[in-house]
């Protein structure tokens, strides 16, 4: 199921399971939004209200 390429270096270093790789990929997506996200959302919302007015 898993083979090593002879032409390039491995993309995943260490002895990780598929579950650990999935957790590493999904952690930033499933985490809480930062302050910058809420600032950008507020600016977009204010712009939308300005457009309606």
C-alpha atoms as a PDB file:
ATOM      1  CA  UNK A   1       0.000   0.000   0.000  1.00  0.00           C
ATOM      2  CA  UNK A   2       2.875   2.381   0.734  1.00  0.00           C
ATOM      3  CA  UNK A   3       5.949   2.551  -1.460  1.00  0.00           C
ATOM      4  CA  UNK A   4       9.058   4.696  -1.480  1.00  0.00           C
ATOM      5  CA  UNK A   5      10.022   6.694  -4.552  1.00  0.00           C
ATOM      6  CA  UNK A   6      13.514   6.330  -5.905  1.00  0.00           C
ATOM      7  CA  UNK A   7      13.490   9.830  -7.453  1.00  0.00           C
ATOM      8  CA  UNK A   8      12.493  12.201  -4.660  1.00  0.00           C
ATOM      9  CA  UNK A   9      12.809  12.626  -0.932  1.00  0.00           C
ATOM     10  CA  UNK A  10       9.934  11.449   1.283  1.00  0.00           C
ATOM     11  CA  UNK A  11       7.247  14.081   1.899  1.00  0.00           C
ATOM     12  CA  UNK A  12       6.545  12.857   5.444  1.00  0.00           C
ATOM     13  CA  UNK A  13       9.487  12.333   7.743  1.00  0.00           C
ATOM     14  CA  UNK A  14       9.358  10.111  10.777  1.00  0.00           C
ATOM     15  CA  UNK A  15       7.255   7.101  11.578  1.00  0.00           C
ATOM     16  CA  UNK A  16       3.739   8.566  11.467  1.00  0.00           C
ATOM     17  CA  UNK A  17       0.476   6.703  11.082  1.00  0.00           C
ATOM     18  CA  UNK A  18      -2.261   7.806   8.693  1.00  0.00           C
ATOM     19  CA  UNK A  19      -4.249   9.086  11.674  1.00  0.00           C
ATOM     20  CA  UNK A  20      -1.380  11.336  12.806  1.00  0.00           C
ATOM     21  CA  UNK A  21      -0.976  12.707   9.285  1.00  0.00           C
ATOM     22  CA  UNK A  22      -4.707  13.441   9.068  1.00  0.00           C
ATOM     23  CA  UNK A  23      -4.611  15.208  12.445  1.00  0.00           C
ATOM     24  CA  UNK A  24      -1.654  17.353  11.325  1.00  0.00           C
ATOM     25  CA  UNK A  25      -3.500  18.397   8.160  1.00  0.00           C
ATOM     26  CA  UNK A  26      -6.893  19.073   9.776  1.00  0.00           C
ATOM     27  CA  UNK A  27      -5.675  20.890  12.912  1.00  0.00           C
ATOM     28  CA  UNK A  28      -5.417  24.389  11.329  1.00  0.00           C
ATOM     29  CA  UNK A  29      -8.758  24.020   9.555  1.00  0.00           C
ATOM     30  CA  UNK A  30     -10.756  22.742  12.521  1.00  0.00           C
ATOM     31  CA  UNK A  31      -9.234  25.138  15.059  1.00  0.00           C
ATOM     32  CA  UNK A  32     -10.762  28.356  16.317  1.00  0.00           C
ATOM     33  CA  UNK A  33     -10.588  31.464  14.172  1.00  0.00           C
ATOM     34  CA  UNK A  34      -8.072  34.123  15.156  1.00  0.00           C
ATOM     35  CA  UNK A  35      -8.591  37.812  15.842  1.00  0.00           C
ATOM     36  CA  UNK A  36      -7.608  38.772  12.298  1.00  0.00           C
ATOM     37  CA  UNK A  37     -10.494  36.703  10.925  1.00  0.00           C
ATOM     38  CA  UNK A  38     -13.017  38.556  13.084  1.00  0.00           C
ATOM     39  CA  UNK A  39     -11.553  41.946  12.116  1.00  0.00           C
ATOM     40  CA  UNK A  40     -11.805  41.058   8.420  1.00  0.00           C
ATOM     41  CA  UNK A  41     -15.349  39.737   8.893  1.00  0.00           C
ATOM     42  CA  UNK A  42     -16.394  42.932  10.681  1.00  0.00           C
ATOM     43  CA  UNK A  43     -14.949  45.080   7.878  1.00  0.00           C
ATOM     44  CA  UNK A  44     -16.744  42.998   5.251  1.00  0.00           C
ATOM     45  CA  UNK A  45     -20.008  43.233   7.199  1.00  0.00           C
ATOM     46  CA  UNK A  46     -19.695  47.022   7.570  1.00  0.00           C
ATOM     47  CA  UNK A  47     -18.974  47.277   3.843  1.00  0.00           C
ATOM     48  CA  UNK A  48     -22.087  45.236   3.111  1.00  0.00           C
ATOM     49  CA  UNK A  49     -24.199  47.516   5.304  1.00  0.00           C
ATOM     50  CA  UNK A  50     -22.692  50.581   3.591  1.00  0.00           C
ATOM     51  CA  UNK A  51     -23.646  49.116   0.207  1.00  0.00           C
ATOM     52  CA  UNK A  52     -27.235  48.540   1.326  1.00  0.00           C
ATOM     53  CA  UNK A  53     -27.516  52.107   2.556  1.00  0.00           C
END
